[in-house]
Amino acid sequence: MKLRDKVDVITGASSGIGKATAELFGWEGANVVAVAGHNREAANRVVESIRSAGGSAISVLCDVSDELQIKRMVYDAL
């Protein structure tokens, strides 16, 4: 588990490359914060996939162009 005890914030984690990255990081032991711009259901499915494989993950909705939302996301990640 290369990423054990690391916290990784992955944007665009509800599909495509972001989803694959979030799942890989979760399987490698990271505490994953799967960030979706506006699709909570898709992000929650990624989180469930990570958790069902024994990983740790949460989902956060965040518009990465909004500084306040980014600060809130970082707070949630810690």
PDB file of N, CA and C in Angstrom:
ATOM      1  N   MET A   1       0.843  -1.180   0.000  1.00  0.00           N
ATOM      2  CA  MET A   1       0.000   0.000   0.000  1.00  0.00           C
ATOM      3  C   MET A   1       0.887   1.242   0.000  1.00  0.00           C
ATOM      4  N   LYS A   2       1.152   1.722  -1.158  1.00  0.00           N
ATOM      5  CA  LYS A   2       2.086   2.822  -1.348  1.00  0.00           C
ATOM      6  C   LYS A   2       1.613   4.154  -0.773  1.00  0.00           C
ATOM      7  N   LEU A   3       0.329   4.347  -0.668  1.00  0.00           N
ATOM      8  CA  LEU A   3      -0.196   5.646  -0.251  1.00  0.00           C
ATOM      9  C   LEU A   3      -0.852   5.620   1.130  1.00  0.00           C
ATOM     10  N   ARG A   4      -0.563   4.612   1.908  1.00  0.00           N
ATOM     11  CA  ARG A   4      -1.169   4.474   3.231  1.00  0.00           C
ATOM     12  C   ARG A   4      -0.991   5.755   4.040  1.00  0.00           C
ATOM     13  N   ASP A   5      -2.091   6.184   4.641  1.00  0.00           N
ATOM     14  CA  ASP A   5      -2.142   7.347   5.528  1.00  0.00           C
ATOM     15  C   ASP A   5      -1.914   8.682   4.836  1.00  0.00           C
ATOM     16  N   LYS A   6      -1.945   8.703   3.532  1.00  0.00           N
ATOM     17  CA  LYS A   6      -1.874   9.963   2.787  1.00  0.00           C
ATOM     18  C   LYS A   6      -3.297  10.416   2.488  1.00  0.00           C
ATOM     19  N   VAL A   7      -3.513  11.716   2.477  1.00  0.00           N
ATOM     20  CA  VAL A   7      -4.801  12.270   2.084  1.00  0.00           C
ATOM     21  C   VAL A   7      -4.642  12.816   0.674  1.00  0.00           C
ATOM     22  N   ASP A   8      -5.472  12.347  -0.226  1.00  0.00           N
ATOM     23  CA  ASP A   8      -5.400  12.772  -1.614  1.00  0.00           C
ATOM     24  C   ASP A   8      -6.728  13.362  -2.042  1.00  0.00           C
ATOM     25  N   VAL A   9      -6.693  14.579  -2.546  1.00  0.00           N
ATOM     26  CA  VAL A   9      -7.862  15.247  -3.083  1.00  0.00           C
ATOM     27  C   VAL A   9      -7.818  15.067  -4.593  1.00  0.00           C
ATOM     28  N   ILE A  10      -8.861  14.474  -5.137  1.00  0.00           N
ATOM     29  CA  ILE A  10      -8.899  14.204  -6.568  1.00  0.00           C
ATOM     30  C   ILE A  10     -10.121  14.894  -7.157  1.00  0.00           C
ATOM     31  N   THR A  11      -9.861  15.874  -8.002  1.00  0.00           N
ATOM     32  CA  THR A  11     -10.961  16.580  -8.656  1.00  0.00           C
ATOM     33  C   THR A  11     -11.395  15.802  -9.888  1.00  0.00           C
ATOM     34  N   GLY A  12     -12.638  15.997 -10.255  1.00  0.00           N
ATOM     35  CA  GLY A  12     -13.174  15.282 -11.411  1.00  0.00           C
ATOM     36  C   GLY A  12     -13.277  13.789 -11.174  1.00  0.00           C
ATOM     37  N   ALA A  13     -13.492  13.412  -9.918  1.00  0.00           N
ATOM     38  CA  ALA A  13     -13.445  12.002  -9.533  1.00  0.00           C
ATOM     39  C   ALA A  13     -14.719  11.230  -9.807  1.00  0.00           C
ATOM     40  N   SER A  14     -15.702  11.870 -10.390  1.00  0.00           N
ATOM     41  CA  SER A  14     -16.953  11.154 -10.618  1.00  0.00           C
ATOM     42  C   SER A  14     -16.966  10.361 -11.919  1.00  0.00           C
ATOM     43  N   SER A  15     -15.957  10.576 -12.793  1.00  0.00           N
ATOM     44  CA  SER A  15     -15.919   9.809 -14.043  1.00  0.00           C
ATOM     45  C   SER A  15     -14.524   9.867 -14.670  1.00  0.00           C
ATOM     46  N   GLY A  16     -14.329   9.034 -15.651  1.00  0.00           N
ATOM     47  CA  GLY A  16     -13.122   9.066 -16.469  1.00  0.00           C
ATOM     48  C   GLY A  16     -11.821   8.870 -15.702  1.00  0.00           C
ATOM     49  N   ILE A  17     -10.822   9.659 -16.077  1.00  0.00           N
ATOM     50  CA  ILE A  17      -9.491   9.553 -15.480  1.00  0.00           C
ATOM     51  C   ILE A  17      -9.538   9.865 -13.983  1.00  0.00           C
ATOM     52  N   GLY A  18     -10.328  10.869 -13.584  1.00  0.00           N
ATOM     53  CA  GLY A  18     -10.445  11.208 -12.165  1.00  0.00           C
ATOM     54  C   GLY A  18     -10.988  10.048 -11.347  1.00  0.00           C
ATOM     55  N   LYS A  19     -11.997   9.366 -11.882  1.00  0.00           N
ATOM     56  CA  LYS A  19     -12.578   8.206 -11.196  1.00  0.00           C
ATOM     57  C   LYS A  19     -11.543   7.093 -11.071  1.00  0.00           C
ATOM     58  N   ALA A  20     -10.869   6.791 -12.158  1.00  0.00           N
ATOM     59  CA  ALA A  20      -9.861   5.730 -12.137  1.00  0.00           C
ATOM     60  C   ALA A  20      -8.740   6.062 -11.161  1.00  0.00           C
ATOM     61  N   THR A  21      -8.342   7.321 -11.115  1.00  0.00           N
ATOM     62  CA  THR A  21      -7.286   7.746 -10.194  1.00  0.00           C
ATOM     63  C   THR A  21      -7.747   7.612  -8.749  1.00  0.00           C
ATOM     64  N   ALA A  22      -8.962   8.066  -8.455  1.00  0.00           N
ATOM     65  CA  ALA A  22      -9.502   7.973  -7.096  1.00  0.00           C
ATOM     66  C   ALA A  22      -9.552   6.517  -6.642  1.00  0.00           C
ATOM     67  N   GLU A  23     -10.044   5.638  -7.504  1.00  0.00           N
ATOM     68  CA  GLU A  23     -10.135   4.225  -7.132  1.00  0.00           C
ATOM     69  C   GLU A  23      -8.742   3.621  -6.924  1.00  0.00           C
ATOM     70  N   LEU A  24      -7.807   3.921  -7.797  1.00  0.00           N
ATOM     71  CA  LEU A  24      -6.448   3.398  -7.645  1.00  0.00           C
ATOM     72  C   LEU A  24      -5.813   3.887  -6.352  1.00  0.00           C
ATOM     73  N   PHE A  25      -5.935   5.170  -6.073  1.00  0.00           N
ATOM     74  CA  PHE A  25      -5.369   5.720  -4.839  1.00  0.00           C
ATOM     75  C   PHE A  25      -6.013   5.076  -3.615  1.00  0.00           C
ATOM     76  N   GLY A  26      -7.326   4.876  -3.660  1.00  0.00           N
ATOM     77  CA  GLY A  26      -8.008   4.218  -2.548  1.00  0.00           C
ATOM     78  C   GLY A  26      -7.511   2.807  -2.340  1.00  0.00           C
ATOM     79  N   TRP A  27      -7.322   2.073  -3.424  1.00  0.00           N
ATOM     80  CA  TRP A  27      -6.833   0.694  -3.323  1.00  0.00           C
ATOM     81  C   TRP A  27      -5.395   0.646  -2.834  1.00  0.00           C
ATOM     82  N   GLU A  28      -4.651   1.753  -3.028  1.00  0.00           N
ATOM     83  CA  GLU A  28      -3.268   1.821  -2.571  1.00  0.00           C
ATOM     84  C   GLU A  28      -3.155   2.355  -1.142  1.00  0.00           C
ATOM     85  N   GLY A  29      -4.295   2.540  -0.469  1.00  0.00           N
ATOM     86  CA  GLY A  29      -4.289   2.893   0.945  1.00  0.00           C
ATOM     87  C   GLY A  29      -4.487   4.355   1.280  1.00  0.00           C
ATOM     88  N   ALA A  30      -4.670   5.202   0.289  1.00  0.00           N
ATOM     89  CA  ALA A  30      -4.865   6.626   0.559  1.00  0.00           C
ATOM     90  C   ALA A  30      -6.243   6.884   1.158  1.00  0.00           C
ATOM     91  N   ASN A  31      -6.337   7.954   1.911  1.00  0.00           N
ATOM     92  CA  ASN A  31      -7.625   8.474   2.345  1.00  0.00           C
ATOM     93  C   ASN A  31      -8.058   9.430   1.236  1.00  0.00           C
ATOM     94  N   VAL A  32      -9.014   9.019   0.452  1.00  0.00           N
ATOM     95  CA  VAL A  32      -9.370   9.746  -0.764  1.00  0.00           C
ATOM     96  C   VAL A  32     -10.510  10.711  -0.522  1.00  0.00           C
ATOM     97  N   VAL A  33     -10.327  11.928  -0.992  1.00  0.00           N
ATOM     98  CA  VAL A  33     -11.400  12.900  -1.059  1.00  0.00           C
ATOM     99  C   VAL A  33     -11.761  12.992  -2.536  1.00  0.00           C
ATOM    100  N   ALA A  34     -12.867  12.371  -2.895  1.00  0.00           N
ATOM    101  CA  ALA A  34     -13.314  12.351  -4.289  1.00  0.00           C
ATOM    102  C   ALA A  34     -14.160  13.588  -4.531  1.00  0.00           C
ATOM    103  N   VAL A  35     -13.659  14.481  -5.349  1.00  0.00           N
ATOM    104  CA  VAL A  35     -14.312  15.761  -5.564  1.00  0.00           C
ATOM    105  C   VAL A  35     -15.046  15.770  -6.888  1.00  0.00           C
ATOM    106  N   ALA A  36     -16.312  16.125  -6.829  1.00  0.00           N
ATOM    107  CA  ALA A  36     -17.121  16.245  -8.037  1.00  0.00           C
ATOM    108  C   ALA A  36     -17.617  17.676  -8.152  1.00  0.00           C
ATOM    109  N   GLY A  37     -17.641  18.184  -9.350  1.00  0.00           N
ATOM    110  CA  GLY A  37     -18.128  19.545  -9.560  1.00  0.00           C
ATOM    111  C   GLY A  37     -19.608  19.690  -9.262  1.00  0.00           C
ATOM    112  N   HIS A  38     -20.419  18.756  -9.742  1.00  0.00           N
ATOM    113  CA  HIS A  38     -21.850  18.880  -9.508  1.00  0.00           C
ATOM    114  C   HIS A  38     -22.602  17.560  -9.585  1.00  0.00           C
ATOM    115  N   ASN A  39     -21.937  16.457  -9.490  1.00  0.00           N
ATOM    116  CA  ASN A  39     -22.626  15.169  -9.583  1.00  0.00           C
ATOM    117  C   ASN A  39     -22.367  14.337  -8.330  1.00  0.00           C
ATOM    118  N   ARG A  40     -23.115  14.633  -7.295  1.00  0.00           N
ATOM    119  CA  ARG A  40     -22.942  13.958  -6.005  1.00  0.00           C
ATOM    120  C   ARG A  40     -23.169  12.454  -6.130  1.00  0.00           C
ATOM    121  N   GLU A  41     -24.180  12.038  -6.892  1.00  0.00           N
ATOM    122  CA  GLU A  41     -24.476  10.604  -7.008  1.00  0.00           C
ATOM    123  C   GLU A  41     -23.308   9.839  -7.618  1.00  0.00           C
ATOM    124  N   ALA A  42     -22.711  10.376  -8.667  1.00  0.00           N
ATOM    125  CA  ALA A  42     -21.574   9.699  -9.302  1.00  0.00           C
ATOM    126  C   ALA A  42     -20.386   9.654  -8.347  1.00  0.00           C
ATOM    127  N   ALA A  43     -20.128  10.744  -7.632  1.00  0.00           N
ATOM    128  CA  ALA A  43     -19.025  10.759  -6.666  1.00  0.00           C
ATOM    129  C   ALA A  43     -19.273   9.748  -5.553  1.00  0.00           C
ATOM    130  N   ASN A  44     -20.517   9.641  -5.104  1.00  0.00           N
ATOM    131  CA  ASN A  44     -20.842   8.672  -4.055  1.00  0.00           C
ATOM    132  C   ASN A  44     -20.627   7.237  -4.533  1.00  0.00           C
ATOM    133  N   ARG A  45     -20.882   6.970  -5.811  1.00  0.00           N
ATOM    134  CA  ARG A  45     -20.629   5.628  -6.346  1.00  0.00           C
ATOM    135  C   ARG A  45     -19.134   5.316  -6.327  1.00  0.00           C
ATOM    136  N   VAL A  46     -18.306   6.298  -6.626  1.00  0.00           N
ATOM    137  CA  VAL A  46     -16.853   6.103  -6.576  1.00  0.00           C
ATOM    138  C   VAL A  46     -16.414   5.834  -5.137  1.00  0.00           C
ATOM    139  N   VAL A  47     -16.952   6.610  -4.203  1.00  0.00           N
ATOM    140  CA  VAL A  47     -16.634   6.406  -2.787  1.00  0.00           C
ATOM    141  C   VAL A  47     -17.034   5.005  -2.354  1.00  0.00           C
ATOM    142  N   GLU A  48     -18.206   4.562  -2.740  1.00  0.00           N
ATOM    143  CA  GLU A  48     -18.661   3.217  -2.366  1.00  0.00           C
ATOM    144  C   GLU A  48     -17.746   2.151  -2.963  1.00  0.00           C
ATOM    145  N   SER A  49     -17.294   2.346  -4.175  1.00  0.00           N
ATOM    146  CA  SER A  49     -16.366   1.409  -4.804  1.00  0.00           C
ATOM    147  C   SER A  49     -15.070   1.310  -4.006  1.00  0.00           C
ATOM    148  N   ILE A  50     -14.556   2.449  -3.584  1.00  0.00           N
ATOM    149  CA  ILE A  50     -13.318   2.481  -2.794  1.00  0.00           C
ATOM    150  C   ILE A  50     -13.538   1.813  -1.441  1.00  0.00           C
ATOM    151  N   ARG A  51     -14.629   2.166  -0.791  1.00  0.00           N
ATOM    152  CA  ARG A  51     -14.911   1.588   0.536  1.00  0.00           C
ATOM    153  C   ARG A  51     -15.160   0.084   0.467  1.00  0.00           C
ATOM    154  N   SER A  52     -15.843  -0.382  -0.580  1.00  0.00           N
ATOM    155  CA  SER A  52     -16.119  -1.813  -0.681  1.00  0.00           C
ATOM    156  C   SER A  52     -14.848  -2.615  -0.911  1.00  0.00           C
ATOM    157  N   ALA A  53     -13.799  -1.950  -1.397  1.00  0.00           N
ATOM    158  CA  ALA A  53     -12.509  -2.616  -1.589  1.00  0.00           C
ATOM    159  C   ALA A  53     -11.613  -2.454  -0.359  1.00  0.00           C
ATOM    160  N   GLY A  54     -12.178  -1.870   0.721  1.00  0.00           N
ATOM    161  CA  GLY A  54     -11.427  -1.726   1.964  1.00  0.00           C
ATOM    162  C   GLY A  54     -10.742  -0.389   2.134  1.00  0.00           C
ATOM    163  N   GLY A  55     -10.974   0.542   1.210  1.00  0.00           N
ATOM    164  CA  GLY A  55     -10.340   1.849   1.295  1.00  0.00           C
ATOM    165  C   GLY A  55     -11.166   2.848   2.075  1.00  0.00           C
ATOM    166  N   SER A  56     -10.632   4.046   2.181  1.00  0.00           N
ATOM    167  CA  SER A  56     -11.277   5.128   2.906  1.00  0.00           C
ATOM    168  C   SER A  56     -11.509   6.286   1.938  1.00  0.00           C
ATOM    169  N   ALA A  57     -12.735   6.801   1.900  1.00  0.00           N
ATOM    170  CA  ALA A  57     -13.041   7.885   0.968  1.00  0.00           C
ATOM    171  C   ALA A  57     -14.277   8.648   1.404  1.00  0.00           C
ATOM    172  N   ILE A  58     -14.315   9.915   1.030  1.00  0.00           N
ATOM    173  CA  ILE A  58     -15.503  10.747   1.172  1.00  0.00           C
ATOM    174  C   ILE A  58     -15.714  11.480  -0.149  1.00  0.00           C
ATOM    175  N   SER A  59     -16.930  11.949  -0.375  1.00  0.00           N
ATOM    176  CA  SER A  59     -17.175  12.765  -1.562  1.00  0.00           C
ATOM    177  C   SER A  59     -17.486  14.190  -1.137  1.00  0.00           C
ATOM    178  N   VAL A  60     -17.053  15.124  -1.954  1.00  0.00           N
ATOM    179  CA  VAL A  60     -17.275  16.538  -1.702  1.00  0.00           C
ATOM    180  C   VAL A  60     -17.669  17.184  -3.024  1.00  0.00           C
ATOM    181  N   LEU A  61     -18.699  18.005  -2.991  1.00  0.00           N
ATOM    182  CA  LEU A  61     -19.028  18.805  -4.162  1.00  0.00           C
ATOM    183  C   LEU A  61     -18.252  20.110  -4.065  1.00  0.00           C
ATOM    184  N   CYS A  62     -17.622  20.498  -5.160  1.00  0.00           N
ATOM    185  CA  CYS A  62     -16.803  21.707  -5.121  1.00  0.00           C
ATOM    186  C   CYS A  62     -16.652  22.278  -6.515  1.00  0.00           C
ATOM    187  N   ASP A  63     -16.897  23.563  -6.629  1.00  0.00           N
ATOM    188  CA  ASP A  63     -16.586  24.291  -7.849  1.00  0.00           C
ATOM    189  C   ASP A  63     -15.164  24.814  -7.664  1.00  0.00           C
ATOM    190  N   VAL A  64     -14.206  24.244  -8.379  1.00  0.00           N
ATOM    191  CA  VAL A  64     -12.806  24.590  -8.155  1.00  0.00           C
ATOM    192  C   VAL A  64     -12.454  25.997  -8.633  1.00  0.00           C
ATOM    193  N   SER A  65     -13.406  26.726  -9.187  1.00  0.00           N
ATOM    194  CA  SER A  65     -13.171  28.131  -9.527  1.00  0.00           C
ATOM    195  C   SER A  65     -13.620  29.060  -8.401  1.00  0.00           C
ATOM    196  N   ASP A  66     -14.138  28.487  -7.306  1.00  0.00           N
ATOM    197  CA  ASP A  66     -14.654  29.261  -6.177  1.00  0.00           C
ATOM    198  C   ASP A  66     -13.743  29.051  -4.963  1.00  0.00           C
ATOM    199  N   GLU A  67     -13.022  30.108  -4.586  1.00  0.00           N
ATOM    200  CA  GLU A  67     -12.038  30.000  -3.506  1.00  0.00           C
ATOM    201  C   GLU A  67     -12.654  29.527  -2.188  1.00  0.00           C
ATOM    202  N   LEU A  68     -13.829  30.012  -1.841  1.00  0.00           N
ATOM    203  CA  LEU A  68     -14.478  29.608  -0.593  1.00  0.00           C
ATOM    204  C   LEU A  68     -14.790  28.108  -0.606  1.00  0.00           C
ATOM    205  N   GLN A  69     -15.275  27.602  -1.738  1.00  0.00           N
ATOM    206  CA  GLN A  69     -15.564  26.171  -1.832  1.00  0.00           C
ATOM    207  C   GLN A  69     -14.285  25.339  -1.734  1.00  0.00           C
ATOM    208  N   ILE A  70     -13.198  25.829  -2.292  1.00  0.00           N
ATOM    209  CA  ILE A  70     -11.925  25.111  -2.195  1.00  0.00           C
ATOM    210  C   ILE A  70     -11.468  25.054  -0.739  1.00  0.00           C
ATOM    211  N   LYS A  71     -11.582  26.155  -0.031  1.00  0.00           N
ATOM    212  CA  LYS A  71     -11.195  26.174   1.386  1.00  0.00           C
ATOM    213  C   LYS A  71     -12.042  25.188   2.188  1.00  0.00           C
ATOM    214  N   ARG A  72     -13.337  25.149   1.904  1.00  0.00           N
ATOM    215  CA  ARG A  72     -14.235  24.221   2.599  1.00  0.00           C
ATOM    216  C   ARG A  72     -13.852  22.774   2.269  1.00  0.00           C
ATOM    217  N   MET A  73     -13.495  22.500   1.015  1.00  0.00           N
ATOM    218  CA  MET A  73     -13.091  21.163   0.612  1.00  0.00           C
ATOM    219  C   MET A  73     -11.827  20.730   1.366  1.00  0.00           C
ATOM    220  N   VAL A  74     -10.858  21.615   1.471  1.00  0.00           N
ATOM    221  CA  VAL A  74      -9.623  21.296   2.187  1.00  0.00           C
ATOM    222  C   VAL A  74      -9.925  21.038   3.654  1.00  0.00           C
ATOM    223  N   TYR A  75     -10.782  21.844   4.257  1.00  0.00           N
ATOM    224  CA  TYR A  75     -11.191  21.629   5.642  1.00  0.00           C
ATOM    225  C   TYR A  75     -11.824  20.244   5.806  1.00  0.00           C
ATOM    226  N   ASP A  76     -12.718  19.894   4.894  1.00  0.00           N
ATOM    227  CA  ASP A  76     -13.371  18.571   4.944  1.00  0.00           C
ATOM    228  C   ASP A  76     -12.358  17.451   4.786  1.00  0.00           C
ATOM    229  N   ALA A  77     -11.330  17.684   3.995  1.00  0.00           N
ATOM    230  CA  ALA A  77     -10.312  16.657   3.748  1.00  0.00           C
ATOM    231  C   ALA A  77      -9.497  16.348   4.996  1.00  0.00           C
ATOM    232  N   LEU A  78      -9.317  17.338   5.835  1.00  0.00           N
ATOM    233  CA  LEU A  78      -8.509  17.140   7.044  1.00  0.00           C
ATOM    234  C   LEU A  78      -9.352  16.531   8.113  1.00  0.00           C
TER     235      LEU A  78
END
